[in-house]
Amino acid sequence: QFEVRTYKRLLDIVQPTPQTVDALMKLDLAAGVDVEIKLA
């Protein structure tokens, strides 16, 4: 018997600096972890 679990986390950063966005893009994450960055 198999089970697939999906976890989602939302991180809302108010007024991010360019350094913050750059640091988020350079994060080294585990295999299977997907990150979506939206700039509004």
C-alpha atoms as a PDB file:
ATOM      1  CA  GLN A   1       0.000   0.000   0.000  1.00  0.00           C
ATOM      2  CA  PHE A   2       1.376   3.370  -1.045  1.00  0.00           C
ATOM      3  CA  GLU A   3       0.482   6.890  -0.043  1.00  0.00           C
ATOM      4  CA  VAL A   4       1.423  10.163  -1.718  1.00  0.00           C
ATOM      5  CA  ARG A   5       1.564  13.217   0.514  1.00  0.00           C
ATOM      6  CA  THR A   6       1.923  16.780  -0.661  1.00  0.00           C
ATOM      7  CA  TYR A   7       2.952  19.568   1.644  1.00  0.00           C
ATOM      8  CA  LYS A   8       2.856  23.233   0.716  1.00  0.00           C
ATOM      9  CA  ARG A   9       4.385  26.167   2.521  1.00  0.00           C
ATOM     10  CA  LEU A  10       3.792  29.810   1.690  1.00  0.00           C
ATOM     11  CA  LEU A  11       6.388  32.389   2.592  1.00  0.00           C
ATOM     12  CA  ASP A  12       5.283  35.992   2.063  1.00  0.00           C
ATOM     13  CA  ILE A  13       8.160  38.463   2.221  1.00  0.00           C
ATOM     14  CA  VAL A  14       7.080  42.093   2.367  1.00  0.00           C
ATOM     15  CA  GLN A  15       9.340  44.553   0.534  1.00  0.00           C
ATOM     16  CA  PRO A  16      12.196  42.128  -0.237  1.00  0.00           C
ATOM     17  CA  THR A  17      15.579  43.577  -1.092  1.00  0.00           C
ATOM     18  CA  PRO A  18      17.458  42.375  -4.182  1.00  0.00           C
ATOM     19  CA  GLN A  19      19.832  40.543  -1.827  1.00  0.00           C
ATOM     20  CA  THR A  20      16.901  38.646  -0.289  1.00  0.00           C
ATOM     21  CA  VAL A  21      15.590  37.546  -3.680  1.00  0.00           C
ATOM     22  CA  ASP A  22      19.100  36.509  -4.762  1.00  0.00           C
ATOM     23  CA  ALA A  23      19.600  34.478  -1.568  1.00  0.00           C
ATOM     24  CA  LEU A  24      16.271  32.683  -2.083  1.00  0.00           C
ATOM     25  CA  MET A  25      17.186  31.792  -5.659  1.00  0.00           C
ATOM     26  CA  LYS A  26      20.517  30.319  -4.531  1.00  0.00           C
ATOM     27  CA  LEU A  27      19.069  28.004  -1.858  1.00  0.00           C
ATOM     28  CA  ASP A  28      20.258  24.410  -2.134  1.00  0.00           C
ATOM     29  CA  LEU A  29      17.158  22.279  -1.529  1.00  0.00           C
ATOM     30  CA  ALA A  30      16.612  18.546  -1.309  1.00  0.00           C
ATOM     31  CA  ALA A  31      15.607  16.514  -4.341  1.00  0.00           C
ATOM     32  CA  GLY A  32      11.885  16.693  -4.999  1.00  0.00           C
ATOM     33  CA  VAL A  33      11.475  20.133  -3.425  1.00  0.00           C
ATOM     34  CA  ASP A  34      10.113  22.699  -5.870  1.00  0.00           C
ATOM     35  CA  VAL A  35      10.187  26.446  -5.291  1.00  0.00           C
ATOM     36  CA  GLU A  36       8.158  29.063  -7.124  1.00  0.00           C
ATOM     37  CA  ILE A  37       9.138  32.709  -6.709  1.00  0.00           C
ATOM     38  CA  LYS A  38       6.668  35.400  -7.761  1.00  0.00           C
ATOM     39  CA  LEU A  39       7.580  39.070  -7.790  1.00  0.00           C
ATOM     40  CA  ALA A  40       4.622  41.404  -7.674  1.00  0.00           C
END
